[in-house]
Amino acid sequence: MKSFPKSLHLAIAVLALPLLADEPLPLSESYWQEPSFQKSFNGSYRIQARIEPNVSTEERGLLVEMQDLMEKGQRTNALGKLQDSKLLGDSPALQFNLGNLHFEKGDTDDAIKAFEKALSDFPSFRRAHRNLAMALVRKGELEKALPHLVEAMQLGDQDGSTYGLLGYCRLQREEWASALQAYRMAQLSEPDAIEWKAGTAQCLQHLDASHEAVVLLDEVINERPAESSYAVLQASILLDLDRSEDAVKTLELPRRLGTLDADSLMLLADLHLRANRPSDASTVIDEAYALEKKPLLDRTIGLASTAMHLKNYQFAKSLIAQAKPEEGDILPALRRIEAILKIESGEAPEEGAKELATLLEANPVDGSSLLALGKYEADQGSTGRASLFFERATAAETSSIDAWLALTNLQVKAGRYLQAIASVKKAIALQPDSNLEAYLENLEQIREAAR
């Protein structure tokens, strides 16, 4: 045995294939207009005397007047009447209703202040806890919202929106099992809420139930075909399942609708390229660069890396040229990938190596350039110089695993199995992997046999 098995060569490739981000989806803005949410929120105007602050006769009279105005569609008048009342300052019930009206108008900060005032006067005000949490979620302050959702439930809230928002907060914290439980409770009373179905699918993806997640997302996409985030999520799960052609089909629908953003289009181009459809990939790339918001450089570099991995160097060259700014400095990442292309394609390897060295002069801890230059030196037969570059790359967080594996490969080729074992152990310590552990066992057996 002189080198890595084929499966491990991909792990140490300098031109790593791009991966699709699977970060939790943000809550859709349309959620706040959903009938299920509106029904739940509007119900919070009703007085629940057993678990809420006592309401005086005067306060009740004012609330009735407000209700009459709201039923006539005069919410602005209702808000003004409430704000002008001398009863407002000392009434948690009126402060709560003030918060509701601000929330409906989209004045989230004012709503939060009113709900907090209501809770300062009446800490066990269940609906105030829940609606404050809703306002905080809308503002994106999920960590602040979470304890109020929990408190509302402890006070007896069983509303589907409360459970759903709890699931959403847990999801953003990557507490997959807890989020799944909350989403499923939400679906009992709001079975058609798209956000809860999408959240459930994300949880299932991370709990090794990807097939079920794909089926559930079919329902979500059928309901909201124009919201591309759901298709992108499903595509990421399909890629995890090695169903790349199904991922292409999933992304083609929002592409035809014109709702895919530039980065998602670059993902679709990447999939076409891997399936040996470079013409389709080029068409999609042109669509991405025609958008006002251009693709992220990382996505472009990832696609260029795919092209080089497939030895389609002309495609990579055209893509890099397309990504270059018309004026101004070229970013180091783009200079690096162009230098690597010159080396990999054989067009100008020495020139590419010099460019990498120049980049390292400006940034000596550039792990990607260290790896690329180390690979170049190894290919040239300069194993000593290659080892030095790889050892330097182990100190950079973004390249440390690949650097340890690259060192392992050099050491195996040289028959230095004890050093190779130490290097691969370093890689496993940074990121446990069953393939690497099997490879380590193989190395240990070879070293034992060589004694």
Protein backbone atom coordinates (compact mmCIF):
# COMPACT_ATOMS: atom_id res chain seq x y z
CA MET A 1 0.00 0.00 0.00
CA LYS A 2 1.56 3.27 -1.13
CA SER A 3 -1.22 5.85 -1.00
CA PHE A 4 -4.80 6.63 0.02
CA PRO A 5 -7.72 4.59 -1.26
CA LYS A 6 -9.77 6.44 -3.89
CA SER A 7 -12.47 7.54 -1.40
CA LEU A 8 -9.88 9.36 0.69
CA HIS A 9 -8.31 11.25 -2.21
CA LEU A 10 -11.45 13.37 -2.35
CA ALA A 11 -11.01 14.33 1.29
CA ILE A 12 -7.59 15.88 0.71
CA ALA A 13 -8.17 17.39 -2.74
CA VAL A 14 -7.11 21.02 -2.82
CA LEU A 15 -9.93 21.68 -5.27
CA ALA A 16 -12.67 20.53 -2.92
CA LEU A 17 -16.11 20.10 -4.41
CA PRO A 18 -18.62 22.72 -3.22
CA LEU A 19 -21.27 21.78 -0.69
CA LEU A 20 -24.77 23.19 -0.33
CA ALA A 21 -25.38 25.11 2.89
CA ASP A 22 -28.20 23.63 4.97
CA GLU A 23 -28.64 26.33 7.57
CA PRO A 24 -32.09 26.56 9.18
CA LEU A 25 -34.55 28.50 7.04
CA PRO A 26 -35.75 31.86 8.32
CA LEU A 27 -39.42 32.19 9.16
CA SER A 28 -41.30 33.34 6.06
CA GLU A 29 -42.58 36.91 6.14
CA SER A 30 -45.88 35.56 4.85
CA TYR A 31 -46.36 33.61 8.09
CA TRP A 32 -47.64 36.73 9.85
CA GLN A 33 -50.44 36.94 7.27
CA GLU A 34 -51.39 33.25 7.45
CA PRO A 35 -55.06 32.63 8.44
CA SER A 36 -53.96 30.29 11.24
CA PHE A 37 -51.73 32.97 12.77
CA GLN A 38 -54.30 35.73 12.29
CA LYS A 39 -56.95 33.61 14.02
CA SER A 40 -54.61 32.91 16.92
CA PHE A 41 -53.42 36.50 17.24
CA ASN A 42 -56.85 38.11 16.97
CA GLY A 43 -58.11 35.77 19.65
CA SER A 44 -55.64 37.36 22.04
CA TYR A 45 -57.85 40.47 22.21
CA ARG A 46 -60.41 38.48 24.19
CA ILE A 47 -60.31 38.86 27.96
CA GLN A 48 -59.58 35.65 29.90
CA ALA A 49 -60.37 36.68 33.41
CA ARG A 50 -59.23 33.54 35.20
CA ILE A 51 -55.59 33.78 34.16
CA GLU A 52 -55.21 37.46 33.34
CA PRO A 53 -55.21 40.85 35.13
CA ASN A 54 -58.48 42.05 36.57
CA VAL A 55 -60.16 44.64 34.35
CA SER A 56 -62.09 47.49 35.94
CA THR A 57 -65.45 48.63 34.65
CA GLU A 58 -63.82 51.67 33.03
CA GLU A 59 -61.16 49.58 31.37
CA ARG A 60 -63.76 47.13 30.09
CA GLY A 61 -65.79 49.98 28.66
CA LEU A 62 -62.74 51.32 26.81
CA LEU A 63 -61.93 47.88 25.44
CA VAL A 64 -65.50 47.52 24.16
CA GLU A 65 -65.25 50.89 22.41
CA MET A 66 -61.97 49.84 20.86
CA GLN A 67 -63.46 46.57 19.71
CA ASP A 68 -66.32 48.42 18.00
CA LEU A 69 -63.83 50.64 16.15
CA MET A 70 -61.72 47.65 15.11
CA GLU A 71 -64.74 45.79 13.78
CA LYS A 72 -65.38 48.82 11.57
CA GLY A 73 -61.79 48.67 10.32
CA GLN A 74 -60.78 51.80 12.26
CA ARG A 75 -57.68 50.42 13.98
CA THR A 76 -55.84 53.75 13.82
CA ASN A 77 -58.71 55.42 15.67
CA ALA A 78 -58.72 52.59 18.19
CA LEU A 79 -55.00 53.07 18.76
CA GLY A 80 -55.39 56.81 19.23
CA LYS A 81 -58.27 56.34 21.68
CA LEU A 82 -56.19 53.92 23.73
CA GLN A 83 -53.08 56.13 23.75
CA ASP A 84 -55.13 59.15 24.87
CA SER A 85 -56.72 57.30 27.80
CA LYS A 86 -55.60 58.21 31.32
CA LEU A 87 -56.18 54.56 32.24
CA LEU A 88 -53.34 53.28 30.05
CA GLY A 89 -50.38 53.86 32.36
CA ASP A 90 -51.58 51.66 35.24
CA SER A 91 -53.38 48.94 33.28
CA PRO A 92 -51.48 45.83 32.09
CA ALA A 93 -54.56 44.80 30.11
CA LEU A 94 -54.60 48.07 28.17
CA GLN A 95 -50.83 47.98 27.70
CA PHE A 96 -51.25 44.51 26.25
CA ASN A 97 -53.86 45.70 23.77
CA LEU A 98 -51.63 48.63 22.90
CA GLY A 99 -48.88 46.14 22.08
CA ASN A 100 -51.28 44.17 19.88
CA LEU A 101 -52.25 47.25 17.88
CA HIS A 102 -48.61 48.26 17.40
CA PHE A 103 -47.80 44.71 16.32
CA GLU A 104 -50.56 44.74 13.71
CA LYS A 105 -49.27 48.04 12.33
CA GLY A 106 -45.75 46.59 12.05
CA ASP A 107 -44.36 48.82 14.82
CA THR A 108 -42.50 45.93 16.40
CA ASP A 109 -40.31 47.93 18.80
CA ASP A 110 -43.33 49.80 20.21
CA ALA A 111 -45.18 46.50 20.54
CA ILE A 112 -42.30 44.99 22.52
CA LYS A 113 -42.22 47.97 24.90
CA ALA A 114 -45.95 47.71 25.54
CA PHE A 115 -45.87 43.95 26.15
CA GLU A 116 -42.88 44.34 28.49
CA LYS A 117 -44.73 47.06 30.40
CA ALA A 118 -47.75 44.78 30.76
CA LEU A 119 -45.53 41.99 32.10
CA SER A 120 -43.71 44.27 34.53
CA ASP A 121 -47.10 45.05 36.11
CA PHE A 122 -48.45 41.51 35.84
CA PRO A 123 -45.61 38.91 35.44
CA SER A 124 -47.94 35.92 34.96
CA PHE A 125 -49.83 37.52 32.05
CA ARG A 126 -49.88 34.50 29.73
CA ARG A 127 -50.93 36.17 26.48
CA ALA A 128 -48.42 38.98 27.04
CA HIS A 129 -45.63 36.41 27.28
CA ARG A 130 -46.78 34.77 24.07
CA ASN A 131 -47.29 37.97 22.08
CA LEU A 132 -44.03 39.45 23.32
CA ALA A 133 -42.33 36.29 22.04
CA MET A 134 -44.04 36.74 18.68
CA ALA A 135 -42.79 40.31 18.41
CA LEU A 136 -39.26 39.26 19.37
CA VAL A 137 -39.30 36.48 16.77
CA ARG A 138 -40.45 38.94 14.13
CA LYS A 139 -37.51 41.17 15.10
CA GLY A 140 -35.12 38.22 14.94
CA GLU A 141 -34.30 38.18 18.66
CA LEU A 142 -34.93 34.46 19.10
CA GLU A 143 -32.93 33.93 22.26
CA LYS A 144 -35.01 36.58 24.01
CA ALA A 145 -38.23 35.10 22.63
CA LEU A 146 -37.58 31.54 23.79
CA PRO A 147 -38.07 31.97 27.56
CA HIS A 148 -41.35 33.84 26.99
CA LEU A 149 -42.66 31.00 24.81
CA VAL A 150 -41.72 28.50 27.51
CA GLU A 151 -43.33 30.65 30.22
CA ALA A 152 -46.54 30.97 28.19
CA MET A 153 -46.73 27.18 27.95
CA GLN A 154 -46.05 26.74 31.63
CA LEU A 155 -48.98 29.09 32.22
CA GLY A 156 -51.20 26.84 30.11
CA ASP A 157 -50.84 28.03 26.51
CA GLN A 158 -51.54 25.19 24.05
CA ASP A 159 -51.84 27.29 20.88
CA GLY A 160 -50.36 25.90 17.65
CA SER A 161 -48.57 29.16 16.88
CA THR A 162 -46.85 29.06 20.27
CA TYR A 163 -45.62 25.52 19.70
CA GLY A 164 -44.59 26.35 16.15
CA LEU A 165 -42.55 29.37 17.19
CA LEU A 166 -40.98 27.32 19.96
CA GLY A 167 -39.96 24.77 17.33
CA TYR A 168 -38.56 27.56 15.18
CA CYS A 169 -36.44 28.93 18.06
CA ARG A 170 -35.18 25.43 18.92
CA LEU A 171 -34.39 24.80 15.25
CA GLN A 172 -32.19 27.89 15.04
CA ARG A 173 -30.28 26.55 18.05
CA GLU A 174 -29.89 23.22 16.20
CA GLU A 175 -31.80 21.41 18.93
CA TRP A 176 -33.31 19.10 16.34
CA ALA A 177 -35.20 16.62 18.54
CA SER A 178 -36.76 19.30 20.74
CA ALA A 179 -37.69 21.36 17.69
CA LEU A 180 -39.30 18.34 16.02
CA GLN A 181 -41.44 17.65 19.08
CA ALA A 182 -42.62 21.27 19.17
CA TYR A 183 -43.38 21.34 15.44
CA ARG A 184 -45.43 18.18 15.67
CA MET A 185 -47.44 19.61 18.53
CA ALA A 186 -48.03 22.73 16.42
CA GLN A 187 -49.29 20.62 13.53
CA LEU A 188 -51.98 19.05 15.70
CA SER A 189 -53.91 22.33 15.75
CA GLU A 190 -52.42 23.94 12.62
CA PRO A 191 -51.92 20.97 10.27
CA ASP A 192 -51.77 23.09 7.12
CA ALA A 193 -49.21 25.65 8.36
CA ILE A 194 -46.42 25.56 5.77
CA GLU A 195 -43.76 26.88 8.18
CA TRP A 196 -44.31 24.02 10.59
CA LYS A 197 -44.10 21.43 7.80
CA ALA A 198 -40.87 22.96 6.50
CA GLY A 199 -39.43 23.11 10.00
CA THR A 200 -40.35 19.49 10.61
CA ALA A 201 -38.58 18.54 7.38
CA GLN A 202 -35.40 20.31 8.47
CA CYS A 203 -35.46 18.46 11.79
CA LEU A 204 -36.00 15.12 10.05
CA GLN A 205 -33.03 15.84 7.78
CA HIS A 206 -30.76 16.15 10.80
CA LEU A 207 -32.30 13.16 12.59
CA ASP A 208 -31.50 10.65 9.82
CA ALA A 209 -35.00 10.64 8.38
CA SER A 210 -34.20 12.33 5.08
CA HIS A 211 -36.62 10.28 2.97
CA GLU A 212 -39.52 11.42 5.13
CA ALA A 213 -38.25 15.00 4.92
CA VAL A 214 -38.26 14.90 1.11
CA VAL A 215 -41.86 13.67 1.00
CA LEU A 216 -42.98 16.35 3.44
CA LEU A 217 -41.25 19.05 1.41
CA ASP A 218 -43.15 17.89 -1.68
CA GLU A 219 -46.30 19.09 0.10
CA VAL A 220 -44.67 22.39 1.03
CA ILE A 221 -43.42 23.05 -2.50
CA ASN A 222 -46.81 22.22 -3.99
CA GLU A 223 -48.35 24.83 -1.70
CA ARG A 224 -45.68 27.48 -2.29
CA PRO A 225 -43.87 26.80 -5.57
CA ALA A 226 -42.70 30.42 -5.86
CA GLU A 227 -40.73 30.34 -2.57
CA SER A 228 -37.41 28.93 -3.73
CA SER A 229 -35.96 28.37 -0.25
CA TYR A 230 -38.06 25.21 0.15
CA ALA A 231 -36.82 23.80 -3.16
CA VAL A 232 -33.21 24.60 -2.21
CA LEU A 233 -33.71 22.83 1.11
CA GLN A 234 -35.15 19.78 -0.61
CA ALA A 235 -32.30 19.79 -3.12
CA SER A 236 -29.76 19.77 -0.28
CA ILE A 237 -31.47 16.74 1.27
CA LEU A 238 -31.63 14.96 -2.09
CA LEU A 239 -27.90 15.54 -2.52
CA ASP A 240 -27.32 13.96 0.90
CA LEU A 241 -29.24 10.96 -0.46
CA ASP A 242 -27.07 10.86 -3.64
CA ARG A 243 -30.09 11.78 -5.76
CA SER A 244 -28.48 14.56 -7.76
CA GLU A 245 -30.80 14.31 -10.75
CA ASP A 246 -33.84 14.65 -8.49
CA ALA A 247 -32.14 17.70 -6.96
CA VAL A 248 -31.84 19.18 -10.47
CA LYS A 249 -35.55 18.62 -11.10
CA THR A 250 -36.41 20.25 -7.79
CA LEU A 251 -34.39 23.37 -8.61
CA GLU A 252 -35.64 23.66 -12.18
CA LEU A 253 -39.17 24.64 -11.07
CA PRO A 254 -38.18 27.84 -9.19
CA ARG A 255 -35.65 28.53 -11.93
CA ARG A 256 -38.44 28.60 -14.51
CA LEU A 257 -40.46 30.80 -12.20
CA GLY A 258 -37.52 33.18 -11.91
CA THR A 259 -37.29 32.92 -8.12
CA LEU A 260 -33.90 31.21 -7.68
CA ASP A 261 -31.20 33.54 -6.39
CA ALA A 262 -27.74 33.66 -7.92
CA ASP A 263 -26.11 31.24 -5.48
CA SER A 264 -28.85 28.65 -5.95
CA LEU A 265 -28.47 29.00 -9.73
CA MET A 266 -24.75 28.33 -9.31
CA LEU A 267 -25.61 25.18 -7.38
CA LEU A 268 -27.85 24.07 -10.25
CA ALA A 269 -25.03 24.83 -12.71
CA ASP A 270 -22.69 22.74 -10.57
CA LEU A 271 -25.08 19.78 -10.72
CA HIS A 272 -25.42 20.08 -14.50
CA LEU A 273 -21.64 20.19 -14.83
CA ARG A 274 -21.16 17.08 -12.70
CA ALA A 275 -23.74 15.32 -14.89
CA ASN A 276 -21.65 16.18 -17.99
CA ARG A 277 -24.00 18.90 -19.22
CA PRO A 278 -21.57 21.83 -19.52
CA SER A 279 -23.78 23.68 -22.02
CA ASP A 280 -26.71 23.66 -19.57
CA ALA A 281 -24.35 24.73 -16.80
CA SER A 282 -23.11 27.68 -18.84
CA THR A 283 -26.66 28.82 -19.55
CA VAL A 284 -27.53 28.77 -15.85
CA ILE A 285 -24.32 30.62 -14.94
CA ASP A 286 -25.21 33.38 -17.40
CA GLU A 287 -28.62 33.67 -15.71
CA ALA A 288 -26.92 33.96 -12.31
CA TYR A 289 -24.58 36.74 -13.44
CA ALA A 290 -27.44 38.57 -15.15
CA LEU A 291 -29.13 39.09 -11.78
CA GLU A 292 -28.63 42.33 -9.89
CA LYS A 293 -27.21 40.47 -6.91
CA LYS A 294 -24.30 38.46 -8.29
CA PRO A 295 -23.21 35.03 -6.99
CA LEU A 296 -20.99 34.90 -3.94
CA LEU A 297 -17.35 34.45 -4.81
CA ASP A 298 -17.18 31.24 -2.76
CA ARG A 299 -19.90 29.69 -4.90
CA THR A 300 -18.11 30.69 -8.12
CA ILE A 301 -14.82 29.31 -6.84
CA GLY A 302 -16.56 26.10 -5.82
CA LEU A 303 -17.96 25.69 -9.31
CA ALA A 304 -14.56 26.38 -10.86
CA SER A 305 -13.14 23.71 -8.54
CA THR A 306 -15.74 21.24 -9.80
CA ALA A 307 -14.76 22.01 -13.39
CA MET A 308 -11.08 21.43 -12.60
CA HIS A 309 -11.87 18.21 -10.75
CA LEU A 310 -13.63 17.07 -13.95
CA LYS A 311 -10.64 18.32 -15.98
CA ASN A 312 -12.85 20.76 -17.86
CA TYR A 313 -10.23 23.46 -17.68
CA GLN A 314 -11.68 25.65 -20.41
CA PHE A 315 -14.96 25.85 -18.52
CA ALA A 316 -13.11 26.85 -15.34
CA LYS A 317 -11.10 29.45 -17.22
CA SER A 318 -14.23 31.04 -18.70
CA LEU A 319 -15.96 31.08 -15.32
CA ILE A 320 -13.01 32.75 -13.59
CA ALA A 321 -12.88 35.37 -16.32
CA GLN A 322 -16.59 36.02 -15.84
CA ALA A 323 -16.10 36.49 -12.10
CA LYS A 324 -13.29 39.02 -12.42
CA PRO A 325 -14.29 42.63 -11.74
CA GLU A 326 -14.19 45.02 -14.67
CA GLU A 327 -12.05 47.37 -12.61
CA GLY A 328 -10.28 47.39 -9.28
CA ASP A 329 -8.20 44.77 -7.50
CA ILE A 330 -8.86 41.05 -7.91
CA LEU A 331 -9.61 39.37 -4.59
CA PRO A 332 -6.98 36.89 -3.29
CA ALA A 333 -9.40 33.95 -3.48
CA LEU A 334 -9.94 34.54 -7.19
CA ARG A 335 -6.20 34.99 -7.80
CA ARG A 336 -5.60 31.73 -5.94
CA ILE A 337 -8.07 29.66 -7.96
CA GLU A 338 -6.67 31.10 -11.20
CA ALA A 339 -3.16 30.16 -10.09
CA ILE A 340 -4.31 26.64 -9.25
CA LEU A 341 -5.95 26.40 -12.68
CA LYS A 342 -2.64 27.29 -14.37
CA ILE A 343 -0.99 24.47 -12.42
CA GLU A 344 -3.71 21.83 -12.79
CA SER A 345 -4.29 22.46 -16.48
CA GLY A 346 -0.59 22.44 -17.27
CA GLU A 347 -0.98 25.75 -19.08
CA ALA A 348 1.55 27.63 -16.94
CA PRO A 349 2.37 25.66 -13.77
CA GLU A 350 5.48 27.65 -12.83
CA GLU A 351 3.60 30.92 -13.24
CA GLY A 352 0.77 29.55 -11.06
CA ALA A 353 3.23 28.47 -8.36
CA LYS A 354 4.83 31.93 -8.36
CA GLU A 355 1.40 33.53 -7.93
CA LEU A 356 0.69 31.26 -4.95
CA ALA A 357 4.02 32.23 -3.42
CA THR A 358 3.13 35.90 -3.89
CA LEU A 359 -0.18 35.36 -2.11
CA LEU A 360 1.66 33.70 0.77
CA GLU A 361 3.99 36.66 1.11
CA ALA A 362 0.91 38.82 1.72
CA ASN A 363 -0.76 36.25 3.97
CA PRO A 364 1.64 33.58 5.35
CA VAL A 365 -1.24 31.67 7.04
CA ASP A 366 -3.34 31.30 3.87
CA GLY A 367 -4.12 27.60 4.30
CA SER A 368 -5.58 27.08 0.82
CA SER A 369 -2.51 28.53 -0.89
CA LEU A 370 -0.22 26.48 1.35
CA LEU A 371 -2.07 23.30 0.41
CA ALA A 372 -2.03 24.13 -3.29
CA LEU A 373 1.68 24.97 -3.28
CA GLY A 374 2.43 21.83 -1.27
CA LYS A 375 0.57 19.73 -3.84
CA TYR A 376 2.51 21.41 -6.65
CA GLU A 377 5.86 20.65 -4.96
CA ALA A 378 4.80 17.04 -4.31
CA ASP A 379 3.91 16.60 -7.98
CA GLN A 380 7.33 18.01 -8.87
CA GLY A 381 8.94 15.38 -6.65
CA SER A 382 10.06 17.89 -4.02
CA THR A 383 8.64 15.98 -1.06
CA GLY A 384 10.68 17.91 1.47
CA ARG A 385 9.35 21.27 0.32
CA ALA A 386 5.86 19.80 0.03
CA SER A 387 6.02 18.59 3.64
CA LEU A 388 7.03 22.04 4.85
CA PHE A 389 4.04 23.65 3.12
CA PHE A 390 1.64 21.01 4.44
CA GLU A 391 3.01 21.35 7.98
CA ARG A 392 2.44 25.11 7.82
CA ALA A 393 -1.10 24.46 6.58
CA THR A 394 -1.89 22.34 9.64
CA ALA A 395 -1.79 25.51 11.73
CA ALA A 396 -4.60 27.13 9.72
CA GLU A 397 -8.05 26.17 10.97
CA THR A 398 -9.64 26.06 7.50
CA SER A 399 -6.99 23.72 6.07
CA SER A 400 -5.72 21.72 9.04
CA ILE A 401 -7.59 18.46 8.33
CA ASP A 402 -6.65 18.40 4.64
CA ALA A 403 -3.07 19.28 5.54
CA TRP A 404 -2.74 16.37 7.97
CA LEU A 405 -4.15 14.03 5.34
CA ALA A 406 -1.80 15.39 2.69
CA LEU A 407 1.11 14.76 5.04
CA THR A 408 -0.20 11.25 5.66
CA ASN A 409 -0.18 10.59 1.92
CA LEU A 410 3.42 11.77 1.56
CA GLN A 411 4.54 9.70 4.54
CA VAL A 412 2.82 6.55 3.26
CA LYS A 413 4.48 6.94 -0.15
CA ALA A 414 7.84 7.22 1.63
CA GLY A 415 7.10 4.17 3.80
CA ARG A 416 7.16 6.22 7.00
CA TYR A 417 4.15 4.47 8.51
CA LEU A 418 4.70 5.53 12.12
CA GLN A 419 4.61 9.20 11.07
CA ALA A 420 1.63 8.53 8.79
CA ILE A 421 -0.27 6.96 11.68
CA ALA A 422 0.40 10.01 13.85
CA SER A 423 -0.76 12.36 11.06
CA VAL A 424 -3.99 10.54 10.33
CA LYS A 425 -4.76 10.45 14.06
CA LYS A 426 -4.42 14.24 14.08
CA ALA A 427 -6.99 14.46 11.28
CA ILE A 428 -9.41 12.11 13.06
CA ALA A 429 -9.09 14.13 16.27
CA LEU A 430 -10.17 17.22 14.37
CA GLN A 431 -13.03 15.48 12.54
CA PRO A 432 -13.93 11.84 13.32
CA ASP A 433 -14.62 9.86 10.17
CA SER A 434 -15.29 6.13 9.73
CA ASN A 435 -13.30 5.93 6.46
CA LEU A 436 -10.29 7.51 8.09
CA GLU A 437 -10.58 5.22 11.11
CA ALA A 438 -10.62 2.20 8.78
CA TYR A 439 -7.61 3.59 6.96
CA LEU A 440 -5.80 4.11 10.27
CA GLU A 441 -6.45 0.49 11.20
CA ASN A 442 -5.07 -0.59 7.83
CA LEU A 443 -1.92 1.47 8.35
CA GLU A 444 -1.39 0.01 11.81
CA GLN A 445 -1.70 -3.53 10.41
CA ILE A 446 0.83 -2.78 7.66
CA ARG A 447 3.29 -1.31 10.16
CA GLU A 448 2.86 -4.31 12.44
CA ALA A 449 3.48 -6.69 9.53
CA ALA A 450 6.60 -4.77 8.50
CA ARG A 451 8.26 -5.24 11.89
